[in-house]
């Protein structure tokens, strides 16, 4: 489905980002993933890429650092020739009630979750516009739509991603560059693994499908948005929540 495409994925060394990288590689895309460290999966990525005639490469990058983002994007374009897909997945949490939230925790979450997506997308736009094609996918969250106590900074960053997605989509549609977002709900992560049975039940009771989502289920939707199957889809926010927030 993505054979011959070149993709950038931020935060690609773990969690949902790892599943996105794997899904792209299985579909034949070459992937450059950006993160603070390569993580433990680079060889696995490279082996999978090789079996599909593709490339997997790591780029060390603090995605909140404007100069570093610009340098890394330029490196990837030089190595790949073109970039067809960008997934802005990098994200952090610094959860606490707003009255206790430190200003630096507000700023750091906004910088990594929202500003980084702007920096990566801006750095890629000229090349995508020139080739008259591209797909940018921003990983938002259901809490950017419905909010969540104790996550004022995180919710604001994800709501900002949604607004940015829609505005960018309007700006670049005439160049055949599509911009969409996904809004995952509660997804299986090391954090949810630590919940006790009562906490898990309370969580499940909020979700009509009665279970948590899997990272691979988010990745499958992103593959769709990256592919030509979504050639007439732009400016959309697809919820992946098991019915939460419908």
Protein backbone atom coordinates (compact mmCIF):
# COMPACT_ATOMS: atom_id res chain seq x y z
CA UNK A 1 0.00 0.00 0.00
CA UNK A 2 2.93 2.35 0.71
CA UNK A 3 5.54 0.73 -1.52
CA UNK A 4 8.18 3.22 -2.58
CA UNK A 5 7.00 5.94 -0.19
CA UNK A 6 9.34 7.73 2.22
CA UNK A 7 8.09 8.57 5.69
CA UNK A 8 9.20 10.49 8.77
CA UNK A 9 7.81 9.45 12.16
CA UNK A 10 8.56 11.44 15.30
CA UNK A 11 8.71 9.54 18.58
CA UNK A 12 9.25 6.31 16.68
CA UNK A 13 11.25 4.31 19.21
CA UNK A 14 8.42 3.11 21.46
CA UNK A 15 4.68 2.90 22.08
CA UNK A 16 2.33 4.02 19.33
CA UNK A 17 5.27 5.42 17.38
CA UNK A 18 6.88 1.98 17.24
CA UNK A 19 3.69 0.45 15.86
CA UNK A 20 3.48 3.19 13.22
CA UNK A 21 7.04 2.49 12.09
CA UNK A 22 6.37 -1.25 11.93
CA UNK A 23 3.12 -0.78 10.03
CA UNK A 24 4.76 1.51 7.47
CA UNK A 25 7.68 -0.88 6.96
CA UNK A 26 5.31 -3.83 6.48
CA UNK A 27 3.55 -1.83 3.77
CA UNK A 28 6.84 -1.25 1.96
CA UNK A 29 7.59 2.34 2.98
CA UNK A 30 11.04 3.53 3.98
CA UNK A 31 11.01 5.17 7.40
CA UNK A 32 13.24 7.70 9.12
CA UNK A 33 12.23 7.90 12.77
CA UNK A 34 13.14 10.83 15.01
CA UNK A 35 13.60 10.50 18.75
CA UNK A 36 15.97 11.40 21.56
CA UNK A 37 17.48 7.89 21.38
CA UNK A 38 17.23 5.08 18.86
CA UNK A 39 15.72 2.69 21.40
CA UNK A 40 16.05 -1.09 21.24
CA UNK A 41 14.30 -1.75 17.94
CA UNK A 42 16.51 -0.29 15.21
CA UNK A 43 17.86 -3.65 14.07
CA UNK A 44 14.34 -5.09 13.97
CA UNK A 45 13.23 -2.12 11.88
CA UNK A 46 16.18 -2.49 9.52
CA UNK A 47 15.64 -6.23 9.09
CA UNK A 48 11.97 -5.68 8.30
CA UNK A 49 12.80 -2.85 5.90
CA UNK A 50 15.40 -4.97 4.12
CA UNK A 51 12.90 -7.80 3.62
CA UNK A 52 10.61 -5.34 1.84
CA UNK A 53 13.27 -3.56 -0.21
CA UNK A 54 13.02 -0.44 1.94
CA UNK A 55 15.10 1.56 4.41
CA UNK A 56 14.82 2.18 8.15
CA UNK A 57 16.99 4.84 9.75
CA UNK A 58 17.19 6.68 13.05
CA UNK A 59 17.82 10.40 13.50
CA UNK A 60 18.60 11.79 16.94
CA UNK A 61 16.38 14.82 17.37
CA UNK A 62 14.84 16.90 20.11
CA UNK A 63 11.73 17.79 18.15
CA UNK A 64 11.20 20.91 20.23
CA UNK A 65 14.55 22.31 19.03
CA UNK A 66 13.89 24.40 15.93
CA UNK A 67 17.43 24.36 14.56
CA UNK A 68 17.83 20.62 15.08
CA UNK A 69 14.49 19.85 13.43
CA UNK A 70 15.40 21.89 10.37
CA UNK A 71 18.81 20.21 10.13
CA UNK A 72 17.40 16.69 10.48
CA UNK A 73 14.61 17.26 7.96
CA UNK A 74 17.18 18.57 5.49
CA UNK A 75 19.31 15.45 6.09
CA UNK A 76 16.36 13.13 5.50
CA UNK A 77 15.34 14.92 2.30
CA UNK A 78 18.93 14.67 1.10
CA UNK A 79 19.07 10.93 1.86
CA UNK A 80 15.56 10.03 0.71
CA UNK A 81 15.21 12.40 -2.22
CA UNK A 82 11.61 13.14 -1.27
CA UNK A 83 9.45 12.74 1.80
CA UNK A 84 5.88 11.63 1.11
CA UNK A 85 4.53 11.09 4.62
CA UNK A 86 5.11 12.73 7.99
CA UNK A 87 3.59 11.54 11.26
CA UNK A 88 3.85 13.95 14.16
CA UNK A 89 3.58 11.47 16.99
CA UNK A 90 6.12 12.66 19.57
CA UNK A 91 4.50 13.50 22.88
CA UNK A 92 5.05 13.76 26.62
CA UNK A 93 2.87 14.16 29.69
CA UNK A 94 3.43 16.20 32.84
CA UNK A 95 0.12 15.52 34.57
CA UNK A 96 -1.14 17.37 37.64
CA UNK A 97 -4.00 19.64 38.62
CA UNK A 98 -3.76 23.07 37.01
CA UNK A 99 -3.40 24.85 40.36
CA UNK A 100 -0.27 22.78 41.03
CA UNK A 101 1.13 22.84 37.51
CA UNK A 102 4.54 24.43 37.08
CA UNK A 103 4.96 26.84 34.21
CA UNK A 104 7.87 24.79 32.87
CA UNK A 105 5.63 21.70 32.74
CA UNK A 106 3.03 23.65 30.79
CA UNK A 107 5.65 24.91 28.34
CA UNK A 108 7.50 21.62 27.88
CA UNK A 109 4.31 19.71 27.00
CA UNK A 110 3.21 22.40 24.52
CA UNK A 111 6.70 22.49 22.98
CA UNK A 112 7.01 18.73 22.45
CA UNK A 113 3.40 17.90 21.61
CA UNK A 114 2.35 20.92 19.55
CA UNK A 115 5.23 23.15 18.51
CA UNK A 116 7.24 20.18 17.25
CA UNK A 117 4.45 19.27 14.81
CA UNK A 118 4.52 22.83 13.49
CA UNK A 119 8.31 22.75 13.12
CA UNK A 120 8.37 19.41 11.29
CA UNK A 121 5.46 20.30 9.02
CA UNK A 122 6.87 23.71 8.14
CA UNK A 123 10.25 22.20 7.35
CA UNK A 124 8.62 19.71 4.97
CA UNK A 125 6.03 21.91 3.33
CA UNK A 126 8.16 23.45 0.59
CA UNK A 127 9.35 20.04 -0.62
CA UNK A 128 5.86 18.50 -0.48
CA UNK A 129 4.37 21.48 -2.29
CA UNK A 130 7.02 21.28 -4.98
CA UNK A 131 6.30 17.61 -5.64
CA UNK A 132 2.56 18.37 -5.44
CA UNK A 133 1.82 15.60 -3.01
CA UNK A 134 2.18 14.49 0.57
CA UNK A 135 0.35 13.35 3.67
CA UNK A 136 0.86 14.81 7.14
CA UNK A 137 -0.78 13.04 10.07
CA UNK A 138 -0.89 14.57 13.54
CA UNK A 139 -1.42 12.30 16.54
CA UNK A 140 -3.83 14.19 18.77
CA UNK A 141 -6.00 12.65 21.52
CA UNK A 142 -9.60 12.34 22.58
CA UNK A 143 -8.74 14.57 25.55
CA UNK A 144 -8.06 17.36 23.07
CA UNK A 145 -11.79 17.15 22.29
CA UNK A 146 -13.43 16.30 25.63
CA UNK A 147 -10.76 17.43 28.12
CA UNK A 148 -9.46 15.54 31.14
CA UNK A 149 -8.87 16.66 34.71
CA UNK A 150 -5.21 16.75 35.63
CA UNK A 151 -4.15 17.10 32.00
CA UNK A 152 -4.71 20.78 31.23
CA UNK A 153 -1.37 21.09 29.45
CA UNK A 154 -1.72 17.80 27.54
CA UNK A 155 -5.34 18.50 26.55
CA UNK A 156 -4.42 21.99 25.38
CA UNK A 157 -1.56 20.65 23.27
CA UNK A 158 -3.79 18.07 21.61
CA UNK A 159 -6.61 20.54 21.03
CA UNK A 160 -4.02 22.80 19.45
CA UNK A 161 -2.96 19.98 17.14
CA UNK A 162 -6.54 19.58 15.97
CA UNK A 163 -6.88 23.28 15.19
CA UNK A 164 -3.51 23.30 13.47
CA UNK A 165 -4.49 20.27 11.39
CA UNK A 166 -7.61 21.95 10.04
CA UNK A 167 -5.86 25.25 9.31
CA UNK A 168 -2.89 23.59 7.62
CA UNK A 169 -5.21 21.42 5.54
CA UNK A 170 -6.91 24.53 4.16
CA UNK A 171 -3.58 26.15 3.34
CA UNK A 172 -1.97 23.25 1.49
CA UNK A 173 -4.86 21.42 -0.17
CA UNK A 174 -4.33 23.20 -3.49
CA UNK A 175 -0.86 21.61 -3.64
CA UNK A 176 -2.32 18.12 -3.12
CA UNK A 177 -0.83 17.92 0.38
CA UNK A 178 -3.28 16.32 2.81
CA UNK A 179 -3.26 17.01 6.56
CA UNK A 180 -5.29 14.89 8.96
CA UNK A 181 -5.27 13.93 12.63
CA UNK A 182 -6.12 10.91 14.71
CA UNK A 183 -7.49 11.21 18.22
CA UNK A 184 -6.80 8.00 20.16
CA UNK A 185 -8.64 7.26 23.37
CA UNK A 186 -7.31 5.00 26.10
CA UNK A 187 -4.62 2.82 24.53
CA UNK A 188 -2.65 -0.03 26.10
CA UNK A 189 0.61 1.45 27.41
CA UNK A 190 3.03 0.76 30.28
CA UNK A 191 1.04 3.38 32.24
CA UNK A 192 -2.25 1.51 31.89
CA UNK A 193 -0.50 -1.76 32.73
CA UNK A 194 0.14 -0.35 36.22
CA UNK A 195 -3.57 0.19 36.97
CA UNK A 196 -5.20 -2.09 39.52
CA UNK A 197 -8.38 -4.04 38.72
CA UNK A 198 -10.73 -1.42 40.21
CA UNK A 199 -9.05 1.34 38.21
CA UNK A 200 -9.24 -0.73 35.03
CA UNK A 201 -12.93 -1.45 35.57
CA UNK A 202 -13.66 2.26 36.06
CA UNK A 203 -11.80 2.93 32.82
CA UNK A 204 -13.59 0.18 30.88
CA UNK A 205 -16.97 1.47 32.10
CA UNK A 206 -16.34 4.71 30.20
CA UNK A 207 -15.68 2.91 26.90
CA UNK A 208 -18.70 1.50 25.00
CA UNK A 209 -16.56 -1.30 23.52
CA UNK A 210 -15.44 -2.22 27.04
CA UNK A 211 -11.71 -2.49 26.39
CA UNK A 212 -8.58 -0.47 25.80
CA UNK A 213 -7.29 0.09 22.30
CA UNK A 214 -4.09 -1.45 21.00
CA UNK A 215 -1.27 0.70 19.59
CA UNK A 216 -1.47 -1.31 16.36
CA UNK A 217 -5.10 -0.21 15.93
CA UNK A 218 -3.97 3.40 15.91
CA UNK A 219 -1.20 2.56 13.44
CA UNK A 220 -3.65 0.91 11.02
CA UNK A 221 -5.71 4.09 10.80
CA UNK A 222 -2.58 6.12 10.20
CA UNK A 223 -1.55 3.78 7.36
CA UNK A 224 -4.95 4.44 5.77
CA UNK A 225 -4.51 8.22 6.04
CA UNK A 226 -0.99 7.97 4.63
CA UNK A 227 -2.08 5.91 1.65
CA UNK A 228 -3.85 6.66 -1.60
CA UNK A 229 -6.97 5.05 -0.11
CA UNK A 230 -7.42 8.40 1.65
CA UNK A 231 -6.63 10.50 -1.44
CA UNK A 232 -9.75 12.66 -0.94
CA UNK A 233 -9.50 12.95 2.85
CA UNK A 234 -8.05 16.09 4.39
CA UNK A 235 -8.72 18.26 7.42
CA UNK A 236 -10.30 15.35 9.28
CA UNK A 237 -9.90 14.14 12.86
CA UNK A 238 -10.53 10.41 13.20
CA UNK A 239 -11.33 9.20 16.72
CA UNK A 240 -9.90 5.81 17.69
CA UNK A 241 -11.61 5.38 21.04
CA UNK A 242 -13.86 2.33 21.14
CA UNK A 243 -16.79 4.76 21.22
CA UNK A 244 -15.52 7.03 24.00
CA UNK A 245 -16.59 10.60 23.35
CA UNK A 246 -18.92 9.73 20.46
